């Protein structure tokens, strides 16, 4: 069996445009995320932080497929 060396982490997020974090919330989230990903990077285990996008397919436990197209308003320019 071939040993795998590269892995990808996927995070699932249900967009909630009604959630309006405070500036303090955003700072805390950025600090926590930066510290967490920085820990992985410091171990030379991080290949990339590139975002894949907001569209895709969700495969559920019952083998049904849900097509998704999530675009958060806060990222609109």
N, C-alpha and C. Protein backbone atom coordinates (compact mmCIF):
# COMPACT_ATOMS: atom_id res chain seq x y z
N UNK A 1 0.85 -1.18 0.00
CA UNK A 1 0.00 0.00 0.00
C UNK A 1 0.89 1.24 0.00
N UNK A 2 0.50 2.21 -0.78
CA UNK A 2 1.24 3.47 -0.89
C UNK A 2 0.99 4.36 0.33
N UNK A 3 2.06 4.93 0.87
CA UNK A 3 1.94 5.84 2.00
C UNK A 3 1.57 7.23 1.50
N UNK A 4 0.49 7.78 2.04
CA UNK A 4 0.05 9.12 1.65
C UNK A 4 0.79 10.17 2.47
N UNK A 5 1.24 11.22 1.81
CA UNK A 5 1.97 12.28 2.49
C UNK A 5 1.24 13.61 2.48
N UNK A 6 0.31 13.80 1.57
CA UNK A 6 -0.41 15.07 1.47
C UNK A 6 -1.87 14.85 1.80
N UNK A 7 -2.42 15.75 2.57
CA UNK A 7 -3.81 15.67 2.98
C UNK A 7 -4.48 17.03 2.78
N UNK A 8 -5.78 17.02 2.68
CA UNK A 8 -6.55 18.25 2.52
C UNK A 8 -7.60 18.29 3.62
N UNK A 9 -7.72 19.43 4.27
CA UNK A 9 -8.77 19.61 5.27
C UNK A 9 -9.88 20.43 4.63
N UNK A 10 -11.09 19.95 4.77
CA UNK A 10 -12.26 20.67 4.25
C UNK A 10 -13.12 21.08 5.43
N UNK A 11 -13.57 22.31 5.41
CA UNK A 11 -14.41 22.82 6.46
C UNK A 11 -15.77 23.14 5.87
N UNK A 12 -16.80 22.65 6.49
CA UNK A 12 -18.16 22.89 6.03
C UNK A 12 -18.75 24.04 6.82
N UNK A 13 -19.37 24.95 6.13
CA UNK A 13 -19.96 26.12 6.75
C UNK A 13 -21.31 26.40 6.12
N UNK A 14 -22.30 26.51 6.95
CA UNK A 14 -23.61 26.94 6.47
C UNK A 14 -23.65 28.46 6.59
N UNK A 15 -23.71 29.17 5.49
CA UNK A 15 -23.73 30.64 5.56
C UNK A 15 -24.92 31.16 6.36
N UNK A 16 -24.66 32.17 7.14
CA UNK A 16 -25.71 32.82 7.91
C UNK A 16 -25.51 34.33 7.76
N UNK A 17 -26.18 34.91 6.80
CA UNK A 17 -26.02 36.34 6.53
C UNK A 17 -26.63 37.21 7.62
N UNK A 18 -27.39 36.60 8.55
CA UNK A 18 -27.96 37.36 9.66
C UNK A 18 -26.96 37.54 10.79
N UNK A 19 -25.89 36.72 10.81
CA UNK A 19 -24.87 36.82 11.85
C UNK A 19 -23.93 37.96 11.50
N UNK A 20 -23.88 38.94 12.36
CA UNK A 20 -23.01 40.09 12.16
C UNK A 20 -22.02 40.16 13.32
N UNK A 21 -20.85 39.55 13.15
CA UNK A 21 -19.87 39.56 14.25
C UNK A 21 -19.37 40.98 14.52
N UNK A 22 -19.04 41.21 15.78
CA UNK A 22 -18.45 42.50 16.14
C UNK A 22 -17.00 42.52 15.68
N UNK A 23 -16.40 43.69 15.70
CA UNK A 23 -14.98 43.81 15.34
C UNK A 23 -14.13 42.95 16.28
N UNK A 24 -14.51 42.94 17.55
CA UNK A 24 -13.80 42.12 18.54
C UNK A 24 -13.90 40.63 18.20
N UNK A 25 -15.09 40.18 17.79
CA UNK A 25 -15.29 38.78 17.39
C UNK A 25 -14.37 38.43 16.22
N UNK A 26 -14.31 39.32 15.24
CA UNK A 26 -13.48 39.08 14.05
C UNK A 26 -12.01 38.98 14.41
N UNK A 27 -11.56 39.84 15.30
CA UNK A 27 -10.16 39.82 15.74
C UNK A 27 -9.85 38.51 16.45
N UNK A 28 -10.74 38.08 17.35
CA UNK A 28 -10.54 36.83 18.09
C UNK A 28 -10.52 35.63 17.14
N UNK A 29 -11.45 35.61 16.17
CA UNK A 29 -11.49 34.50 15.21
C UNK A 29 -10.22 34.44 14.38
N UNK A 30 -9.74 35.60 13.96
CA UNK A 30 -8.53 35.65 13.14
C UNK A 30 -7.31 35.20 13.95
N UNK A 31 -7.23 35.63 15.21
CA UNK A 31 -6.12 35.23 16.06
C UNK A 31 -6.14 33.72 16.31
N UNK A 32 -7.32 33.18 16.61
CA UNK A 32 -7.44 31.74 16.87
C UNK A 32 -7.08 30.94 15.62
N UNK A 33 -7.64 31.32 14.49
CA UNK A 33 -7.36 30.61 13.24
C UNK A 33 -5.91 30.71 12.84
N UNK A 34 -5.32 31.90 12.99
CA UNK A 34 -3.92 32.09 12.65
C UNK A 34 -3.00 31.27 13.53
N UNK A 35 -3.32 31.21 14.81
CA UNK A 35 -2.52 30.42 15.75
C UNK A 35 -2.62 28.93 15.42
N UNK A 36 -3.83 28.48 15.12
CA UNK A 36 -4.06 27.06 14.81
C UNK A 36 -3.32 26.65 13.54
N UNK A 37 -3.52 27.40 12.46
CA UNK A 37 -2.87 27.05 11.19
C UNK A 37 -1.37 27.29 11.28
N UNK A 38 -0.95 28.27 12.08
CA UNK A 38 0.48 28.53 12.29
C UNK A 38 1.16 27.36 12.97
N UNK A 39 0.46 26.71 13.88
CA UNK A 39 1.00 25.53 14.55
C UNK A 39 1.25 24.39 13.58
N UNK A 40 0.34 24.22 12.64
CA UNK A 40 0.51 23.19 11.61
C UNK A 40 1.67 23.56 10.70
N UNK A 41 1.74 24.82 10.31
CA UNK A 41 2.82 25.29 9.42
C UNK A 41 4.19 25.16 10.10
N UNK A 42 4.26 25.41 11.40
CA UNK A 42 5.54 25.34 12.11
C UNK A 42 6.09 23.93 12.16
N UNK A 43 5.24 22.95 11.94
CA UNK A 43 5.67 21.55 11.90
C UNK A 43 5.98 21.10 10.48
N UNK A 44 5.98 22.05 9.55
CA UNK A 44 6.22 21.77 8.13
C UNK A 44 5.22 20.77 7.57
N UNK A 45 3.98 20.85 8.05
CA UNK A 45 2.92 19.95 7.59
C UNK A 45 1.89 20.68 6.73
N UNK A 46 2.13 21.94 6.43
CA UNK A 46 1.17 22.74 5.69
C UNK A 46 1.66 22.96 4.26
N UNK A 47 0.88 22.52 3.30
CA UNK A 47 1.26 22.69 1.90
C UNK A 47 0.68 23.97 1.31
N UNK A 48 -0.54 24.34 1.72
CA UNK A 48 -1.19 25.50 1.13
C UNK A 48 -2.37 25.93 1.98
N UNK A 49 -2.75 27.19 1.86
CA UNK A 49 -3.96 27.69 2.51
C UNK A 49 -4.94 28.22 1.47
N UNK A 50 -4.82 27.76 0.25
CA UNK A 50 -5.68 28.23 -0.82
C UNK A 50 -7.13 27.81 -0.59
N UNK A 51 -8.03 28.76 -0.79
CA UNK A 51 -9.46 28.48 -0.67
C UNK A 51 -9.96 27.84 -1.96
N UNK A 52 -10.77 26.81 -1.83
CA UNK A 52 -11.29 26.11 -3.00
C UNK A 52 -12.47 26.84 -3.63
N UNK A 53 -13.33 27.40 -2.84
CA UNK A 53 -14.51 28.08 -3.37
C UNK A 53 -15.75 27.72 -2.59
N UNK A 54 -16.88 28.15 -3.08
CA UNK A 54 -18.14 27.97 -2.36
C UNK A 54 -19.12 27.05 -3.08
N UNK A 55 -18.74 26.46 -4.18
CA UNK A 55 -19.64 25.56 -4.88
C UNK A 55 -19.14 24.14 -4.77
N UNK A 56 -20.05 23.21 -4.86
CA UNK A 56 -19.65 21.81 -4.79
C UNK A 56 -20.84 20.90 -4.60
N UNK A 57 -20.54 19.68 -4.25
CA UNK A 57 -21.57 18.68 -4.00
C UNK A 57 -21.34 18.09 -2.62
N UNK A 58 -22.42 17.92 -1.91
CA UNK A 58 -22.37 17.34 -0.58
C UNK A 58 -22.94 15.93 -0.66
N UNK A 59 -22.14 14.94 -0.32
CA UNK A 59 -22.58 13.55 -0.30
C UNK A 59 -23.03 13.22 1.10
N UNK A 60 -24.30 12.85 1.26
CA UNK A 60 -24.86 12.56 2.56
C UNK A 60 -24.75 11.08 2.89
N UNK A 61 -24.96 10.74 4.16
CA UNK A 61 -24.84 9.36 4.62
C UNK A 61 -25.78 8.42 3.88
N UNK A 62 -26.93 8.93 3.43
CA UNK A 62 -27.89 8.08 2.71
C UNK A 62 -27.57 8.02 1.21
N UNK A 63 -26.38 8.53 0.83
CA UNK A 63 -25.87 8.55 -0.54
C UNK A 63 -26.59 9.54 -1.46
N UNK A 64 -27.46 10.37 -0.88
CA UNK A 64 -28.07 11.43 -1.68
C UNK A 64 -27.02 12.53 -1.89
N UNK A 65 -27.18 13.28 -2.97
CA UNK A 65 -26.22 14.34 -3.29
C UNK A 65 -26.95 15.67 -3.29
N UNK A 66 -26.38 16.63 -2.59
CA UNK A 66 -26.92 17.99 -2.53
C UNK A 66 -25.95 18.90 -3.26
N UNK A 67 -26.43 19.62 -4.27
CA UNK A 67 -25.59 20.58 -4.98
C UNK A 67 -25.60 21.88 -4.20
N UNK A 68 -24.43 22.45 -3.98
CA UNK A 68 -24.33 23.66 -3.18
C UNK A 68 -23.70 24.79 -3.97
N UNK A 69 -24.11 25.98 -3.64
CA UNK A 69 -23.52 27.19 -4.21
C UNK A 69 -23.64 28.27 -3.16
N UNK A 70 -22.72 28.27 -2.21
CA UNK A 70 -22.75 29.22 -1.11
C UNK A 70 -21.84 30.38 -1.42
N UNK A 71 -22.39 31.55 -1.36
CA UNK A 71 -21.56 32.75 -1.51
C UNK A 71 -21.99 33.72 -0.43
N UNK A 72 -21.07 34.02 0.45
CA UNK A 72 -21.38 34.90 1.57
C UNK A 72 -21.36 36.36 1.15
N UNK A 73 -22.38 37.10 1.54
CA UNK A 73 -22.45 38.52 1.17
C UNK A 73 -21.25 39.31 1.69
N UNK A 74 -20.71 38.91 2.86
CA UNK A 74 -19.61 39.69 3.43
C UNK A 74 -18.36 39.63 2.56
N UNK A 75 -18.28 38.69 1.60
CA UNK A 75 -17.13 38.61 0.73
C UNK A 75 -17.34 39.32 -0.59
N UNK A 76 -18.55 39.84 -0.82
CA UNK A 76 -18.81 40.58 -2.05
C UNK A 76 -17.98 41.86 -2.07
N UNK A 77 -17.51 42.22 -3.25
CA UNK A 77 -16.76 43.47 -3.39
C UNK A 77 -17.65 44.57 -3.92
